[in-house]
Protein backbone atom coordinates (compact mmCIF):
# COMPACT_ATOMS: atom_id res chain seq x y z
CA UNK A 1 0.11 0.00 -0.07
CA UNK A 2 1.18 3.74 -0.58
CA UNK A 3 1.54 5.85 2.56
CA UNK A 4 0.14 9.25 2.39
CA UNK A 5 0.09 12.05 5.08
CA UNK A 6 -2.93 14.37 4.96
CA UNK A 7 -5.03 16.75 6.91
CA UNK A 8 -8.45 15.30 7.95
CA UNK A 9 -11.54 15.23 10.13
CA UNK A 10 -12.39 12.46 12.55
CA UNK A 11 -15.73 13.81 13.31
CA UNK A 12 -18.35 16.65 12.69
CA UNK A 13 -17.20 18.80 15.51
CA UNK A 14 -13.70 17.99 15.13
CA UNK A 15 -11.07 20.48 13.61
CA UNK A 16 -9.01 18.95 10.83
CA UNK A 17 -5.65 17.95 11.89
CA UNK A 18 -2.87 15.71 10.15
CA UNK A 19 -3.56 12.14 9.46
CA UNK A 20 -1.89 9.09 7.86
CA UNK A 21 -3.55 6.72 5.79
CA UNK A 22 -2.97 4.06 3.14
CA UNK A 23 -3.64 4.64 -0.82
CA UNK A 24 -3.87 1.50 -2.81
CA UNK A 25 -0.98 0.59 -4.64
CA UNK A 26 -1.00 1.82 -8.57
CA UNK A 27 -2.54 -1.05 -11.19
CA UNK A 28 -2.01 -1.38 -14.66
CA UNK A 29 -4.39 1.66 -15.54
CA UNK A 30 -3.42 3.78 -12.59
CA UNK A 31 -1.45 7.17 -12.43
CA UNK A 32 0.32 8.14 -9.22
CA UNK A 33 0.52 11.67 -8.26
CA UNK A 34 2.49 13.71 -6.07
CA UNK A 35 0.09 16.86 -5.10
CA UNK A 36 1.21 20.45 -5.21
CA UNK A 37 -1.70 22.10 -4.45
CA UNK A 38 -5.16 21.47 -3.68
CA UNK A 39 -8.34 24.16 -3.84
CA UNK A 40 -10.51 24.23 -1.00
CA UNK A 41 -14.31 24.19 -1.92
CA UNK A 42 -17.42 24.82 0.12
CA UNK A 43 -18.24 21.25 -0.24
CA UNK A 44 -15.16 20.34 1.84
CA UNK A 45 -16.56 22.08 4.42
CA UNK A 46 -20.43 20.80 4.09
CA UNK A 47 -18.87 17.00 4.22
CA UNK A 48 -16.08 17.69 6.98
CA UNK A 49 -19.11 18.90 9.00
CA UNK A 50 -21.59 16.28 7.69
CA UNK A 51 -24.14 18.90 6.83
CA UNK A 52 -25.42 16.71 3.88
CA UNK A 53 -25.82 13.90 6.35
CA UNK A 54 -23.24 10.92 4.36
CA UNK A 55 -19.87 11.77 5.84
CA UNK A 56 -18.06 8.56 6.66
CA UNK A 57 -15.23 9.44 9.06
CA UNK A 58 -12.14 9.96 9.08
CA UNK A 59 -12.67 12.01 6.21
CA UNK A 60 -9.56 13.69 4.31
CA UNK A 61 -11.36 16.51 1.60
CA UNK A 62 -10.19 18.02 -1.49
CA UNK A 63 -11.30 17.61 -5.07
CA UNK A 64 -9.29 20.59 -6.89
CA UNK A 65 -5.95 18.73 -7.10
CA UNK A 66 -2.89 19.58 -9.15
CA UNK A 67 0.35 17.52 -9.09
CA UNK A 68 3.22 16.08 -11.06
CA UNK A 69 2.68 12.12 -12.26
CA UNK A 70 5.52 10.15 -10.22
CA UNK A 71 4.46 6.62 -11.65
CA UNK A 72 2.14 4.95 -14.32
CA UNK A 73 0.70 1.33 -14.56
CA UNK A 74 1.99 -0.45 -17.41
CA UNK A 75 -1.43 -0.14 -19.77
CA UNK A 76 -1.35 3.85 -19.08
CA UNK A 77 -0.90 5.43 -22.79
CA UNK A 78 -1.87 9.29 -21.84
CA UNK A 79 0.68 10.26 -18.91
CA UNK A 80 4.10 9.64 -18.14
CA UNK A 81 6.37 10.60 -15.08
CA UNK A 82 7.12 14.61 -14.67
CA UNK A 83 3.65 15.35 -16.42
CA UNK A 84 1.48 18.27 -14.58
CA UNK A 85 -1.67 16.85 -14.19
CA UNK A 86 -5.21 17.41 -12.25
CA UNK A 87 -8.01 15.49 -10.69
CA UNK A 88 -11.04 16.78 -10.16
CA UNK A 89 -14.15 15.95 -8.17
CA UNK A 90 -14.83 11.97 -9.51
CA UNK A 91 -11.91 9.38 -9.64
CA UNK A 92 -14.00 6.81 -11.24
CA UNK A 93 -17.43 5.48 -12.55
CA UNK A 94 -19.34 2.27 -13.89
CA UNK A 95 -18.06 3.00 -17.44
CA UNK A 96 -20.99 0.76 -18.71
CA UNK A 97 -24.28 2.71 -18.28
CA UNK A 98 -25.61 5.40 -21.03
CA UNK A 99 -24.34 8.47 -18.88
CA UNK A 100 -21.13 7.11 -19.02
CA UNK A 101 -21.17 6.07 -22.49
CA UNK A 102 -21.78 9.76 -23.28
CA UNK A 103 -19.17 11.52 -21.68
CA UNK A 104 -21.44 12.39 -18.65
CA UNK A 105 -19.54 10.36 -15.64
CA UNK A 106 -20.78 12.70 -13.37
CA UNK A 107 -24.34 11.62 -13.92
CA UNK A 108 -23.35 7.94 -13.88
CA UNK A 109 -26.65 5.62 -13.23
CA UNK A 110 -24.60 3.66 -10.65
CA UNK A 111 -23.06 6.51 -8.82
CA UNK A 112 -19.55 8.05 -9.78
CA UNK A 113 -16.70 7.71 -7.03
CA UNK A 114 -15.96 11.00 -5.53
CA UNK A 115 -12.49 12.08 -5.00
CA UNK A 116 -13.23 11.72 -1.54
CA UNK A 117 -15.71 10.42 1.09
CA UNK A 118 -16.66 7.86 -2.01
CA UNK A 119 -16.27 3.80 -1.95
CA UNK A 120 -13.75 2.82 -4.10
CA UNK A 121 -14.43 0.16 -6.76
CA UNK A 122 -11.06 -1.27 -6.52
CA UNK A 123 -10.92 -2.08 -2.75
CA UNK A 124 -14.43 -1.32 -1.28
CA UNK A 125 -12.31 1.11 1.08
CA UNK A 126 -13.37 4.65 1.10
CA UNK A 127 -11.50 7.76 -0.99
CA UNK A 128 -9.28 10.18 0.39
CA UNK A 129 -8.86 13.26 -1.16
CA UNK A 130 -6.55 16.26 -2.20
CA UNK A 131 -5.07 17.58 1.33
CA UNK A 132 -2.55 14.99 1.43
CA UNK A 133 0.89 14.49 -0.04
CA UNK A 134 -0.43 12.00 -3.24
CA UNK A 135 -3.13 9.99 -4.50
CA UNK A 136 -3.55 7.26 -7.06
CA UNK A 137 -6.37 7.51 -9.99
CA UNK A 138 -7.52 5.63 -12.92
CA UNK A 139 -5.87 7.17 -16.01
CA UNK A 140 -9.42 8.09 -17.53
CA UNK A 141 -9.95 10.41 -14.36
CA UNK A 142 -6.74 12.28 -14.88
CA UNK A 143 -6.38 15.71 -16.69
CA UNK A 144 -3.92 17.29 -18.51
CA UNK A 145 -3.13 20.67 -17.43
CA UNK A 146 -2.17 22.88 -20.34
CA UNK A 147 1.06 24.82 -20.47
CA UNK A 148 0.47 28.48 -19.61
CA UNK A 149 -1.57 27.82 -16.76
CA UNK A 150 -0.41 28.53 -13.12
CA UNK A 151 -0.86 25.62 -11.22
CA UNK A 152 -1.81 26.64 -7.90
CA UNK A 153 -4.53 29.22 -9.57
CA UNK A 154 -5.57 26.47 -11.90
CA UNK A 155 -6.56 24.22 -9.14
CA UNK A 156 -10.21 25.60 -8.39
CA UNK A 157 -11.09 25.00 -12.25
CA UNK A 158 -11.13 21.63 -11.54
CA UNK A 159 -14.23 22.07 -9.24
CA UNK A 160 -15.46 25.68 -9.54
CA UNK A 161 -14.64 26.09 -13.26
CA UNK A 162 -15.99 23.01 -14.36
CA UNK A 163 -18.80 23.44 -12.19
CA UNK A 164 -19.91 26.88 -13.91
CA UNK A 165 -18.32 26.16 -17.46
CA UNK A 166 -20.68 23.17 -17.86
CA UNK A 167 -23.89 24.92 -17.63
CA UNK A 168 -22.75 27.67 -19.70
CA UNK A 169 -21.88 25.22 -22.49
CA UNK A 170 -25.00 23.02 -22.14
CA UNK A 171 -27.32 26.01 -22.36
CA UNK A 172 -25.25 27.11 -25.27
CA UNK A 173 -24.31 30.72 -23.72
CA UNK A 174 -22.35 32.86 -26.35
CA UNK A 175 -22.61 36.01 -28.12
CA UNK A 176 -25.79 38.44 -28.30
CA UNK A 177 -27.22 36.53 -25.03
CA UNK A 178 -27.61 38.39 -21.76
CA UNK A 179 -26.44 36.30 -19.00
CA UNK A 180 -26.97 36.82 -15.31
CA UNK A 181 -24.39 35.35 -12.56
CA UNK A 182 -26.10 35.20 -9.00
CA UNK A 183 -23.31 35.27 -6.26
CA UNK A 184 -19.92 36.70 -6.41
CA UNK A 185 -17.64 33.77 -4.34
CA UNK A 186 -15.66 30.96 -5.39
CA UNK A 187 -18.22 29.70 -8.57
CA UNK A 188 -19.50 33.06 -9.07
CA UNK A 189 -16.10 34.57 -9.78
CA UNK A 190 -15.57 32.05 -12.61
CA UNK A 191 -19.10 32.34 -13.93
CA UNK A 192 -18.30 35.92 -14.64
CA UNK A 193 -14.99 35.31 -16.08
CA UNK A 194 -16.16 32.33 -18.40
CA UNK A 195 -19.43 33.85 -19.60
CA UNK A 196 -17.48 37.17 -20.55
CA UNK A 197 -15.11 35.01 -22.59
CA UNK A 198 -17.80 33.07 -24.42
CA UNK A 199 -19.10 36.67 -25.59
CA UNK A 200 -22.18 36.80 -23.37
CA UNK A 201 -23.06 40.35 -22.10
CA UNK A 202 -22.61 39.62 -18.20
CA UNK A 203 -24.88 40.80 -15.32
CA UNK A 204 -23.62 40.01 -11.48
CA UNK A 205 -26.37 40.02 -8.83
CA UNK A 206 -24.77 40.23 -5.36
CA UNK A 207 -26.52 41.79 -1.79
CA UNK A 208 -23.15 43.51 -1.52
CA UNK A 209 -22.68 46.76 -2.74
CA UNK A 210 -19.22 46.73 -1.70
CA UNK A 211 -18.70 43.78 -4.70
CA UNK A 212 -19.27 45.96 -7.53
CA UNK A 213 -16.34 47.29 -8.41
CA UNK A 214 -14.37 43.33 -7.83
CA UNK A 215 -17.25 42.24 -10.23
CA UNK A 216 -16.51 44.86 -13.02
CA UNK A 217 -12.69 43.86 -12.71
CA UNK A 218 -13.79 40.34 -13.39
CA UNK A 219 -15.67 40.88 -16.55
CA UNK A 220 -19.09 41.89 -15.57
CA UNK A 221 -20.74 44.49 -17.73
CA UNK A 222 -23.27 45.11 -14.83
CA UNK A 223 -23.87 44.89 -11.26
CA UNK A 224 -27.22 44.72 -9.76
CA UNK A 225 -27.78 44.99 -5.72
CA UNK A 226 -30.27 42.15 -5.49
CA UNK A 227 -31.95 43.89 -2.28
CA UNK A 228 -32.73 47.03 -4.65
CA UNK A 229 -36.11 46.50 -5.74
CA UNK A 230 -35.72 49.11 -8.45
CA UNK A 231 -32.72 47.55 -9.86
CA UNK A 232 -33.85 44.27 -9.92
CA UNK A 233 -37.38 45.58 -11.66
CA UNK A 234 -35.19 47.33 -14.47
CA UNK A 235 -34.08 43.87 -15.78
CA UNK A 236 -37.78 41.81 -15.46
CA UNK A 237 -37.79 39.69 -18.85
CA UNK A 238 -34.81 40.23 -20.19
CA UNK A 239 -32.34 37.15 -19.08
CA UNK A 240 -31.78 34.66 -21.82
CA UNK A 241 -29.87 32.45 -18.91
CA UNK A 242 -29.14 33.04 -15.48
CA UNK A 243 -26.46 30.97 -13.38
CA UNK A 244 -27.22 31.07 -9.63
CA UNK A 245 -23.80 30.22 -7.66
CA UNK A 246 -25.15 30.82 -4.31
CA UNK A 247 -25.11 27.99 -1.75
CA UNK A 248 -27.57 29.21 0.61
CA UNK A 249 -31.55 29.11 0.93
CA UNK A 250 -33.03 32.21 -0.75
CA UNK A 251 -35.93 33.08 -2.64
CA UNK A 252 -35.83 31.59 -6.58
CA UNK A 253 -38.74 33.75 -7.75
CA UNK A 254 -36.64 37.17 -7.44
CA UNK A 255 -34.74 35.80 -10.02
CA UNK A 256 -37.00 34.06 -12.37
CA UNK A 257 -38.80 36.88 -12.97
CA UNK A 258 -35.97 38.33 -14.93
CA UNK A 259 -36.03 35.48 -17.29
CA UNK A 260 -36.90 36.33 -20.60
CA UNK A 261 -39.73 33.70 -22.56
CA UNK A 262 -38.03 30.27 -22.28
CA UNK A 263 -35.17 31.41 -20.36
CA UNK A 264 -33.18 29.00 -18.24
CA UNK A 265 -31.83 29.74 -14.49
CA UNK A 266 -29.41 26.81 -13.47
CA UNK A 267 -28.54 26.33 -9.90
CA UNK A 268 -25.07 25.32 -9.19
CA UNK A 269 -24.75 26.04 -5.42
CA UNK A 270 -25.63 22.92 -3.01
CA UNK A 271 -27.15 24.78 0.31
CA UNK A 272 -27.34 22.43 3.16
CA UNK A 273 -30.96 23.49 3.39
CA UNK A 274 -33.92 23.73 0.63
CA UNK A 275 -34.41 26.74 -1.07
CA UNK A 276 -38.23 28.13 -0.49
CA UNK A 277 -40.52 26.56 -3.32
CA UNK A 278 -41.01 28.94 -6.21
CA UNK A 279 -44.14 30.04 -7.65
CA UNK A 280 -45.33 27.82 -10.36
CA UNK A 281 -47.08 30.82 -12.09
CA UNK A 282 -43.38 32.51 -12.60
CA UNK A 283 -42.42 29.36 -14.76
CA UNK A 284 -45.80 28.70 -16.57
CA UNK A 285 -46.49 32.15 -17.77
CA UNK A 286 -43.03 32.69 -19.59
CA UNK A 287 -42.45 28.80 -20.03
CA UNK A 288 -39.36 29.57 -18.19
CA UNK A 289 -37.00 26.87 -17.37
CA UNK A 290 -35.44 25.99 -13.55
CA UNK A 291 -32.75 23.42 -13.81
CA UNK A 292 -29.85 21.92 -11.93
CA UNK A 293 -26.42 21.02 -13.05
CA UNK A 294 -23.57 18.83 -11.47
CA UNK A 295 -19.80 19.49 -12.28
CA UNK A 296 -18.73 18.22 -15.75
CA UNK A 297 -17.85 15.05 -17.33
CA UNK A 298 -13.92 14.22 -17.85
CA UNK A 299 -13.95 15.50 -22.12
CA UNK A 300 -15.90 18.32 -20.76
CA UNK A 301 -13.34 19.27 -17.76
CA UNK A 302 -10.20 19.04 -20.73
CA UNK A 303 -12.37 21.08 -22.78
CA UNK A 304 -12.60 23.62 -20.02
CA UNK A 305 -8.98 23.43 -19.47
CA UNK A 306 -8.00 24.09 -22.34
CA UNK A 307 -10.25 26.76 -23.15
CA UNK A 308 -9.18 28.91 -20.00
CA UNK A 309 -5.35 28.04 -21.27
CA UNK A 310 -6.46 29.63 -24.45
CA UNK A 311 -8.39 32.52 -22.75
CA UNK A 312 -5.65 33.14 -20.00
CA UNK A 313 -8.34 32.18 -17.41
CA UNK A 314 -7.62 30.95 -13.95
CA UNK A 315 -9.04 31.53 -10.39
CA UNK A 316 -8.12 34.30 -8.30
CA UNK A 317 -6.79 32.58 -5.13
CA UNK A 318 -5.28 33.27 -1.60
CA UNK A 319 -2.48 30.24 -1.21
CA UNK A 320 -2.47 28.99 2.61
CA UNK A 321 -0.40 26.54 4.50
CA UNK A 322 -2.60 23.51 5.34
CA UNK A 323 -1.99 24.48 9.03
CA UNK A 324 -4.49 27.41 8.48
CA UNK A 325 -7.48 25.14 6.90
CA UNK A 326 -9.35 25.60 10.05
CA UNK A 327 -9.01 29.05 9.97
CA UNK A 328 -9.82 29.06 6.33
CA UNK A 329 -13.17 27.24 6.62
CA UNK A 330 -14.53 30.04 9.09
CA UNK A 331 -13.19 32.79 6.87
CA UNK A 332 -15.02 30.93 4.12
CA UNK A 333 -18.40 31.10 5.94
CA UNK A 334 -17.72 34.68 6.20
CA UNK A 335 -17.06 35.02 2.62
CA UNK A 336 -13.82 36.46 3.63
CA UNK A 337 -11.70 35.40 0.46
CA UNK A 338 -11.41 36.83 -3.01
CA UNK A 339 -12.18 33.99 -4.41
CA UNK A 340 -10.70 30.66 -3.41
CA UNK A 341 -8.29 29.38 -0.81
CA UNK A 342 -5.67 27.04 -2.33
CA UNK A 343 -3.52 25.13 0.02
CA UNK A 344 0.22 24.36 -0.68
CA UNK A 345 0.58 21.44 0.08
CA UNK A 346 4.45 21.39 0.45
CA UNK A 347 3.31 22.89 4.00
CA UNK A 348 2.75 19.28 4.96
CA UNK A 349 6.27 18.21 4.85
CA UNK A 350 7.06 17.62 8.23
CA UNK A 351 3.87 17.95 9.77
CA UNK A 352 3.39 14.66 12.18
CA UNK A 353 -0.16 13.02 13.18
CA UNK A 354 -0.75 14.02 17.36
């Protein structure tokens, strides 16, 4: 077995701390990776604190992973030692169902294997994520990091990037469209950058007037304070697409009425508690659509990485040592980060479990 050192939690109310664990030895189709950087996602916090009710402890979070290949199985053809690679939210799927056959592994009908807190198909044990020194992943779920992308700032693309890219592509966002992005956080700031690069007219919705200048610098054409009724009213029936990134319960009706006939609002934020149910008439009177979207398939994620490299897009990050992760979680809850924490995994060196 391959030994790994990481940061993990042993319970919902315990802080993350150093932990040693074992990963499987690389098989013929596996890629072994030394992790350099790992982004910090709100899903990590939800899982560590068991807010979704499905956490198996101990848990080692992290699914925005950038690293270097250190070994490959005999049947691996796409990667070799020294390659800069990424691992996102999935490390396996059944590869047999209709969704997998279409390259939509995130919707695997038998359940994809999460990078952490998932059940391994190989050993039956639990998967452990990227707040760690290394990882072993089957080749199909390893991504090539294009030249020109800063490795640390590229890490959040593996979740925040693909989570926003997939619905933008699915609903064919492009030139001539008016697109709203609700919320300016880890997901929202990527939504702005990607929608702008795709050619759309981008409007950010925020409850914080102080975020206006940041949003404009990120690429938004306009900023609307969603608490201002007059500002909201001015945009009624005008949006082709709205990407809602907010991970807290809120009224969806306030945004549904801003959609044109046949417009779509897609939810990508995952709150621990449900949103209030929207009014049916706000949907049926304009044939509006309320949808959801979950990350993206492996081919789509590679497409997103290549697009970002060609357009010079990465996440805005704050680098932290792993020893600051518990403080980072509290800051994340206060929205005190612009816009994604990334752990420098080199900070794990010399750390010993208690």
